[in-house]
Amino acid sequence: MRDETLQERLIVEDFNYLKSFVSLLENTEIPPKFSIWCGIASILGTLERRIWLNQGVFRVYPNFFIILVAGSGQKKSTAIRVAGGLLKKLTSPPLLIPQKLSKEQLISDLAESCGGTIIADELATFIGQKDYDQGMGAVLTTLWDCEDFEYKTFKRGAEKIENGYLSLLGGTTVELLRKALPRDAIGGGFSSRVMFVYEDQRAAPVSWPEFDENLELRKQELVDYLNKIALLQGPINITVEAKEKFKNIYHDRYFNSDLRSNINLLGYENRRHVHLLKVAIALMVSEAPKLVIQRHHITGADLLLQEVEERLPFVMDLIAMSESGAASNSVWLYISSKGSVERSELTKHFSHQFNSIELAKTLDTLVQAKKVDISVRGRQITYDAIT
């Protein structure tokens, strides 16, 4: 019910692209949170950097880094492919960048087109720790900022990206994200520019999605609307009421945000106002192909960010934790998913990951941390999740 309430508060017009996008996926197992953020990605991907919001000497462009984070089989890839599929059908689609390519190839492609969108339903195939350490992270952060970029190669000399941009829509699990990003990158330049949209609750089962001819018609309606907003160009206006609402949010969070006390989220909090404006641009264009941000666009964007931020500290802590901490967390997640688990079952399930001594130490840590209770039932030692 919470997702429905949030969407009702965000959508105020009879026609709304995001409402139509979410409804396209409602009879599936795709979490509503993933649906709305993939809808936002499809809007912003269409706009590229043809429109912008002036803030003094700065400009906010509608590019984005959005990464869906969930366990395997939670329809991350499905949602991402729907958004990418709509972008492919545009009359003049943006450059859609493949998941696996080198830093040099990425720069070469962007130098020719000035920008593009990476669609990576498996983020680990696009970037790993080796890629990040070899400079991919610095390239990504510069292009998110829409700054001019020059890269020198032995074969092609200097390659320049002027008036460029880069967007990213990706999906991954926490475990693969930990492998993709070095621990010292968490909280820094790249991660602070990403909206990590986390979901750990599976949607209601849909065993047999029914074919509906109207679905293809609705897809085409979405493509037709994206083609309309693709024609937008120039600066975005903002009403006095919207600017006042933005200032109130900015000042309140500047002094009162709990995220400032989390070293892994301080960088994100310092850029949150930019994320908010990018999302507000998506909500604005979702209603109509007009370039005026109104108060409810700012309010709606803030609500969307708040929903993501509820789990953001948890996600960042999982990514940044040590190997032993990650192993301990995997045991706790297994116990919490079952509610109650016998020691023999845990030994069997985690035999590939722990020997008996390591498992015993991990379980003792969870008991000491008051995450699980231990009891003896019959001849079996049992662990119960504390909720």
Protein backbone atom coordinates (compact mmCIF):
# COMPACT_ATOMS: atom_id res chain seq x y z
CA MET A 1 0.00 0.00 0.00
CA ARG A 2 2.87 2.38 0.71
CA ASP A 3 4.04 2.35 -2.93
CA GLU A 4 0.51 3.07 -4.17
CA THR A 5 0.14 5.96 -1.74
CA LEU A 6 3.45 7.42 -2.80
CA GLN A 7 2.56 7.21 -6.49
CA GLU A 8 -0.80 8.85 -5.86
CA ARG A 9 0.95 11.75 -4.16
CA LEU A 10 3.44 12.12 -7.01
CA ILE A 11 1.02 12.02 -9.93
CA VAL A 12 -1.45 14.89 -10.17
CA GLU A 13 -2.36 15.05 -13.87
CA ASP A 14 -4.83 12.88 -15.79
CA PHE A 15 -2.11 11.85 -18.23
CA ASN A 16 1.26 11.08 -16.78
CA TYR A 17 4.07 9.20 -18.47
CA LEU A 18 5.32 7.68 -15.22
CA LYS A 19 1.82 6.55 -14.29
CA SER A 20 1.50 4.85 -17.69
CA PHE A 21 4.97 3.29 -17.40
CA VAL A 22 4.27 1.88 -13.94
CA SER A 23 0.86 0.55 -15.02
CA LEU A 24 2.53 -1.24 -17.93
CA LEU A 25 4.45 -3.35 -15.40
CA GLU A 26 1.88 -3.65 -12.62
CA ASN A 27 0.76 -7.22 -13.41
CA THR A 28 4.31 -8.53 -13.13
CA GLU A 29 6.66 -9.40 -10.28
CA ILE A 30 8.68 -6.21 -10.82
CA PRO A 31 8.72 -4.22 -7.55
CA PRO A 32 6.85 -0.90 -7.94
CA LYS A 33 9.95 0.95 -6.74
CA PHE A 34 11.95 -0.46 -9.67
CA SER A 35 9.16 0.40 -12.10
CA ILE A 36 9.04 4.07 -11.20
CA TRP A 37 12.83 4.53 -11.22
CA CYS A 38 13.16 2.81 -14.59
CA GLY A 39 10.40 5.10 -15.83
CA ILE A 40 12.40 8.08 -14.58
CA ALA A 41 15.50 6.71 -16.34
CA SER A 42 13.64 6.41 -19.65
CA ILE A 43 12.52 10.05 -19.42
CA LEU A 44 15.94 11.43 -18.50
CA GLY A 45 17.65 9.23 -21.08
CA THR A 46 15.44 10.72 -23.76
CA LEU A 47 16.20 14.30 -22.72
CA GLU A 48 19.99 13.74 -22.91
CA ARG A 49 21.44 17.22 -22.14
CA ARG A 50 19.27 19.32 -24.44
CA ILE A 51 17.53 20.99 -21.50
CA TRP A 52 19.04 22.34 -18.30
CA LEU A 53 18.34 24.21 -15.10
CA ASN A 54 20.50 27.26 -14.35
CA GLN A 55 21.85 27.76 -10.83
CA GLY A 56 24.18 30.72 -10.96
CA VAL A 57 27.37 29.58 -12.69
CA PHE A 58 26.18 25.95 -12.50
CA ARG A 59 23.84 23.99 -14.71
CA VAL A 60 21.88 20.89 -13.74
CA TYR A 61 21.37 18.51 -16.67
CA PRO A 62 18.93 15.58 -16.77
CA ASN A 63 21.52 12.81 -16.88
CA PHE A 64 21.57 10.17 -14.14
CA PHE A 65 23.25 7.17 -12.55
CA ILE A 66 20.56 4.78 -11.25
CA ILE A 67 21.46 1.31 -9.98
CA LEU A 68 18.79 -1.19 -8.89
CA VAL A 69 20.04 -3.41 -6.06
CA ALA A 70 18.30 -6.64 -5.07
CA GLY A 71 18.78 -10.38 -4.86
CA SER A 72 18.86 -12.63 -7.90
CA GLY A 73 15.51 -13.19 -9.57
CA GLN A 74 13.87 -9.99 -8.34
CA LYS A 75 13.22 -8.69 -11.87
CA LYS A 76 15.90 -5.98 -11.96
CA SER A 77 16.89 -6.94 -15.49
CA THR A 78 13.28 -7.12 -16.67
CA ALA A 79 12.53 -3.57 -15.55
CA ILE A 80 15.79 -2.26 -17.03
CA ARG A 81 15.18 -3.94 -20.38
CA VAL A 82 11.71 -2.41 -20.65
CA ALA A 83 13.16 1.08 -20.17
CA GLY A 84 16.03 0.39 -22.57
CA GLY A 85 13.61 -1.07 -25.12
CA LEU A 86 11.57 2.14 -25.19
CA LEU A 87 14.70 4.23 -25.76
CA LYS A 88 15.71 2.00 -28.67
CA LYS A 89 12.39 2.66 -30.41
CA LEU A 90 12.75 6.44 -30.44
CA THR A 91 12.91 8.20 -33.79
CA SER A 92 16.31 9.61 -32.79
CA PRO A 93 17.46 7.38 -29.94
CA PRO A 94 20.36 8.34 -27.69
CA LEU A 95 23.57 6.38 -27.97
CA LEU A 96 22.92 3.19 -26.00
CA ILE A 97 26.24 1.90 -24.74
CA PRO A 98 26.82 -1.86 -24.36
CA GLN A 99 27.47 -3.37 -20.97
CA LYS A 100 31.03 -4.52 -21.60
CA LEU A 101 33.59 -2.18 -23.09
CA SER A 102 36.92 -0.70 -22.12
CA LYS A 103 37.47 2.77 -20.77
CA GLU A 104 39.17 3.69 -24.04
CA GLN A 105 36.26 2.44 -26.15
CA LEU A 106 33.78 4.29 -23.95
CA ILE A 107 35.68 7.55 -24.42
CA SER A 108 35.98 6.97 -28.17
CA ASP A 109 32.24 6.33 -28.53
CA LEU A 110 31.33 9.38 -26.47
CA ALA A 111 33.80 11.59 -28.37
CA GLU A 112 31.83 10.85 -31.54
CA SER A 113 28.34 11.32 -30.09
CA CYS A 114 29.00 13.69 -27.14
CA GLY A 115 27.02 11.46 -24.80
CA GLY A 116 24.99 8.34 -24.23
CA THR A 117 23.27 6.01 -21.80
CA ILE A 118 24.72 2.78 -20.45
CA ILE A 119 22.10 0.05 -20.07
CA ALA A 120 23.69 -2.59 -17.85
CA ASP A 121 21.20 -5.06 -16.42
CA GLU A 122 24.26 -6.84 -14.95
CA LEU A 123 26.44 -4.00 -13.69
CA ALA A 124 29.37 -6.31 -12.95
CA THR A 125 29.84 -6.87 -16.69
CA PHE A 126 30.38 -3.13 -17.16
CA ILE A 127 32.61 -2.20 -14.24
CA GLY A 128 34.75 -4.17 -11.80
CA GLN A 129 37.39 -3.21 -9.26
CA LYS A 130 40.12 -3.53 -11.89
CA ASP A 131 38.24 -1.17 -14.25
CA TYR A 132 37.64 1.27 -11.41
CA ASP A 133 41.28 1.23 -10.30
CA GLN A 134 42.42 1.80 -13.90
CA GLY A 135 40.53 5.08 -14.14
CA MET A 136 36.96 4.16 -15.10
CA GLY A 137 35.64 5.69 -11.88
CA ALA A 138 37.21 9.08 -12.65
CA VAL A 139 35.80 9.01 -16.19
CA LEU A 140 32.30 8.23 -14.94
CA THR A 141 32.28 11.00 -12.32
CA THR A 142 33.54 13.61 -14.81
CA LEU A 143 30.87 12.68 -17.35
CA TRP A 144 28.09 12.68 -14.72
CA ASP A 145 29.13 16.26 -13.99
CA CYS A 146 28.82 16.99 -17.75
CA GLU A 147 32.29 18.51 -17.82
CA ASP A 148 34.47 18.68 -20.92
CA PHE A 149 36.93 15.80 -20.98
CA GLU A 150 40.19 15.05 -22.75
CA TYR A 151 41.93 11.69 -22.85
CA LYS A 152 45.29 11.03 -24.49
CA THR A 153 46.04 7.72 -26.20
CA PHE A 154 49.11 6.45 -28.01
CA LYS A 155 47.16 5.32 -31.09
CA ARG A 156 44.62 8.10 -31.56
CA GLY A 157 46.24 11.01 -29.76
CA ALA A 158 44.00 13.31 -27.70
CA GLU A 159 40.28 12.52 -27.75
CA LYS A 160 38.00 15.28 -26.56
CA ILE A 161 34.45 15.11 -25.27
CA GLU A 162 32.89 18.56 -25.39
CA ASN A 163 29.36 19.32 -24.16
CA GLY A 164 29.14 15.68 -23.23
CA TYR A 165 27.17 13.70 -20.68
CA LEU A 166 26.74 10.14 -19.48
CA SER A 167 23.78 8.31 -17.97
CA LEU A 168 23.68 4.84 -16.44
CA LEU A 169 20.84 2.45 -15.66
CA GLY A 170 22.16 -0.72 -14.06
CA GLY A 171 21.20 -3.64 -11.89
CA THR A 172 23.20 -5.73 -9.45
CA THR A 173 23.20 -7.63 -6.18
CA VAL A 174 24.90 -6.37 -3.02
CA GLU A 175 27.50 -9.11 -3.33
CA LEU A 176 28.44 -8.20 -6.90
CA LEU A 177 28.43 -4.51 -6.06
CA ARG A 178 30.94 -5.16 -3.29
CA LYS A 179 33.18 -6.87 -5.83
CA ALA A 180 32.75 -4.09 -8.39
CA LEU A 181 33.67 -1.16 -6.16
CA PRO A 182 36.81 -0.87 -4.02
CA ARG A 183 35.98 -0.20 -0.38
CA ASP A 184 37.72 3.20 -0.54
CA ALA A 185 35.35 4.20 -3.35
CA ILE A 186 32.30 3.93 -1.09
CA GLY A 187 31.11 7.37 -0.12
CA GLY A 188 33.41 9.01 -2.66
CA GLY A 189 32.99 10.55 -6.07
CA PHE A 190 31.27 7.76 -7.99
CA SER A 191 28.99 6.34 -5.30
CA SER A 192 27.78 9.79 -4.21
CA ARG A 193 26.50 10.38 -7.75
CA VAL A 194 24.47 7.16 -7.84
CA MET A 195 20.89 6.55 -6.80
CA PHE A 196 21.11 3.06 -5.28
CA VAL A 197 17.50 1.82 -5.34
CA TYR A 198 17.33 -1.18 -3.00
CA GLU A 199 14.54 -3.73 -2.65
CA ASP A 200 14.64 -6.84 -0.48
CA GLN A 201 10.91 -7.70 -0.52
CA ARG A 202 9.69 -9.96 -3.31
CA ALA A 203 6.57 -8.87 -5.11
CA ALA A 204 3.42 -11.00 -5.06
CA PRO A 205 3.78 -14.03 -7.35
CA VAL A 206 2.48 -13.82 -10.90
CA SER A 207 2.67 -17.38 -12.16
CA TRP A 208 1.26 -16.71 -15.63
CA PRO A 209 1.23 -13.14 -16.96
CA GLU A 210 -1.69 -12.93 -19.37
CA PHE A 211 -1.17 -11.65 -22.90
CA ASP A 212 -2.91 -8.36 -23.53
CA GLU A 213 -2.96 -6.71 -26.95
CA ASN A 214 -3.35 -3.35 -25.24
CA LEU A 215 0.13 -3.67 -23.75
CA GLU A 216 1.77 -3.18 -27.14
CA LEU A 217 -0.47 -0.18 -27.78
CA ARG A 218 0.50 1.31 -24.43
CA LYS A 219 4.17 0.75 -25.20
CA GLN A 220 3.75 2.64 -28.44
CA GLU A 221 1.96 5.45 -26.60
CA LEU A 222 4.95 5.71 -24.28
CA VAL A 223 7.36 5.82 -27.22
CA ASP A 224 5.23 8.48 -28.93
CA TYR A 225 5.33 10.62 -25.80
CA LEU A 226 9.09 10.21 -25.45
CA ASN A 227 9.45 11.37 -29.05
CA LYS A 228 7.55 14.53 -28.09
CA ILE A 229 9.75 15.38 -25.13
CA ALA A 230 12.85 14.61 -27.20
CA LEU A 231 12.09 17.86 -29.05
CA LEU A 232 12.48 19.98 -25.91
CA GLN A 233 15.48 22.32 -25.84
CA GLY A 234 16.78 25.14 -23.72
CA PRO A 235 16.67 26.36 -20.12
CA ILE A 236 14.10 25.22 -17.56
CA ASN A 237 12.10 27.77 -15.58
CA ILE A 238 11.12 27.29 -11.95
CA THR A 239 8.20 28.96 -10.18
CA VAL A 240 8.71 31.12 -7.10
CA GLU A 241 6.81 28.56 -4.99
CA ALA A 242 8.93 25.67 -6.28
CA LYS A 243 12.17 27.54 -5.59
CA GLU A 244 11.02 28.39 -2.07
CA LYS A 245 10.16 24.73 -1.40
CA PHE A 246 13.56 23.67 -2.71
CA LYS A 247 15.33 26.19 -0.47
CA ASN A 248 13.41 24.99 2.59
CA ILE A 249 14.36 21.36 1.91
CA TYR A 250 17.98 22.32 1.25
CA HIS A 251 18.38 24.33 4.46
CA ASP A 252 16.59 21.74 6.60
CA ARG A 253 18.82 18.93 5.40
CA TYR A 254 21.96 21.08 5.53
CA PHE A 255 21.60 21.32 9.31
CA ASN A 256 19.47 18.31 10.27
CA SER A 257 20.11 15.35 7.94
CA ASP A 258 21.04 12.14 9.75
CA LEU A 259 22.97 11.04 6.66
CA ARG A 260 25.69 13.60 7.44
CA SER A 261 26.80 11.46 10.40
CA ASN A 262 27.41 8.46 8.10
CA ILE A 263 30.83 8.69 6.44
CA ASN A 264 29.62 6.47 3.60
CA LEU A 265 26.73 8.84 2.82
CA LEU A 266 28.20 12.28 3.46
CA GLY A 267 29.16 12.67 -0.21
CA TYR A 268 25.66 11.67 -1.30
CA GLU A 269 24.05 14.12 1.11
CA ASN A 270 26.23 16.93 -0.23
CA ARG A 271 24.91 16.18 -3.73
CA ARG A 272 21.36 15.34 -2.76
CA HIS A 273 20.01 18.69 -3.97
CA VAL A 274 21.30 17.88 -7.47
CA HIS A 275 19.65 14.44 -7.41
CA LEU A 276 16.43 16.12 -6.27
CA LEU A 277 16.45 18.57 -9.17
CA LYS A 278 17.14 15.82 -11.72
CA VAL A 279 14.17 13.83 -10.43
CA ALA A 280 12.03 16.98 -10.38
CA ILE A 281 12.89 17.47 -14.07
CA ALA A 282 11.64 13.93 -14.77
CA LEU A 283 8.37 14.59 -12.89
CA MET A 284 7.92 17.88 -14.72
CA VAL A 285 8.33 16.36 -18.17
CA SER A 286 6.27 13.31 -17.21
CA GLU A 287 3.18 15.54 -16.95
CA ALA A 288 3.61 17.53 -20.15
CA PRO A 289 6.34 18.56 -22.61
CA LYS A 290 6.85 21.89 -20.82
CA LEU A 291 9.88 23.43 -19.14
CA VAL A 292 8.50 24.79 -15.86
CA ILE A 293 9.24 23.13 -12.52
CA GLN A 294 6.37 23.60 -10.08
CA ARG A 295 6.18 23.14 -6.33
CA HIS A 296 4.67 19.65 -6.49
CA HIS A 297 7.56 18.48 -8.69
CA ILE A 298 10.01 19.43 -5.94
CA THR A 299 7.81 17.82 -3.28
CA GLY A 300 7.40 14.64 -5.33
CA ALA A 301 11.13 14.36 -6.00
CA ASP A 302 11.85 14.77 -2.29
CA LEU A 303 9.39 11.96 -1.46
CA LEU A 304 11.03 9.64 -3.97
CA LEU A 305 14.48 10.34 -2.55
CA GLN A 306 13.24 9.82 1.01
CA GLU A 307 11.88 6.40 0.06
CA VAL A 308 15.25 5.36 -1.38
CA GLU A 309 17.12 6.84 1.59
CA GLU A 310 15.24 4.67 4.08
CA ARG A 311 17.42 1.72 3.07
CA LEU A 312 20.46 3.60 1.79
CA PRO A 313 22.51 3.42 5.03
CA PHE A 314 21.87 -0.32 5.18
CA VAL A 315 22.95 -0.80 1.56
CA MET A 316 26.10 1.28 1.89
CA ASP A 317 27.10 -0.49 5.09
CA LEU A 318 26.68 -3.84 3.35
CA ILE A 319 28.83 -2.72 0.44
CA ALA A 320 31.56 -1.31 2.68
CA MET A 321 31.74 -4.12 5.23
CA SER A 322 34.70 -6.47 5.50
CA GLU A 323 34.73 -9.99 4.10
CA SER A 324 34.03 -11.47 7.54
CA GLY A 325 31.21 -8.98 8.07
CA ALA A 326 29.70 -9.88 4.72
CA ALA A 327 29.90 -13.58 5.56
CA SER A 328 28.23 -12.98 8.91
CA ASN A 329 25.49 -11.00 7.25
CA SER A 330 24.78 -13.78 4.74
CA VAL A 331 24.22 -16.20 7.64
CA TRP A 332 21.93 -13.72 9.39
CA LEU A 333 19.92 -13.12 6.21
CA TYR A 334 19.44 -16.85 5.78
CA ILE A 335 18.25 -17.29 9.38
CA SER A 336 15.96 -14.25 9.19
CA SER A 337 14.40 -15.51 5.94
CA LYS A 338 13.59 -18.84 7.61
CA GLY A 339 12.72 -17.49 11.04
CA SER A 340 14.15 -20.54 12.75
CA VAL A 341 16.97 -22.83 11.52
CA GLU A 342 18.63 -25.90 12.97
CA ARG A 343 22.42 -25.97 13.28
CA SER A 344 22.68 -29.00 11.01
CA GLU A 345 20.86 -27.16 8.21
CA LEU A 346 23.19 -24.16 8.53
CA THR A 347 26.24 -26.43 8.42
CA LYS A 348 24.98 -28.05 5.23
CA HIS A 349 23.88 -24.82 3.56
CA PHE A 350 27.14 -22.93 4.25
CA SER A 351 29.57 -25.85 3.84
CA HIS A 352 31.02 -24.20 0.71
CA GLN A 353 31.70 -20.97 2.62
CA PHE A 354 32.74 -21.95 6.18
CA ASN A 355 34.38 -24.80 7.98
CA SER A 356 32.74 -25.85 11.26
CA ILE A 357 34.94 -23.60 13.42
CA GLU A 358 34.33 -20.52 11.25
CA LEU A 359 30.58 -21.12 11.26
CA ALA A 360 30.58 -21.52 15.04
CA LYS A 361 32.39 -18.19 15.45
CA THR A 362 30.00 -16.47 13.06
CA LEU A 363 26.94 -17.79 14.89
CA ASP A 364 28.41 -16.80 18.25
CA THR A 365 28.94 -13.26 16.91
CA LEU A 366 25.29 -13.07 15.82
CA VAL A 367 24.15 -14.28 19.26
CA GLN A 368 26.37 -11.72 21.03
CA ALA A 369 25.03 -8.99 18.72
CA LYS A 370 21.48 -10.03 19.72
CA LYS A 371 20.51 -10.73 16.13
CA VAL A 372 19.66 -14.38 16.84
CA ASP A 373 18.65 -16.51 19.84
CA ILE A 374 20.04 -19.97 20.44
CA SER A 375 18.07 -22.83 21.97
CA VAL A 376 18.09 -26.62 22.20
CA ARG A 377 15.04 -28.50 20.94
CA GLY A 378 15.25 -32.21 21.38
CA ARG A 379 18.74 -33.05 20.17
CA GLN A 380 19.04 -30.10 17.79
CA ILE A 381 20.64 -26.73 18.39
CA THR A 382 18.34 -24.12 16.83
CA TYR A 383 18.85 -20.46 15.94
CA ASP A 384 15.89 -18.04 15.86
CA ALA A 385 15.99 -14.65 14.20
CA ILE A 386 15.32 -11.69 16.52
CA THR A 387 13.01 -9.24 14.76
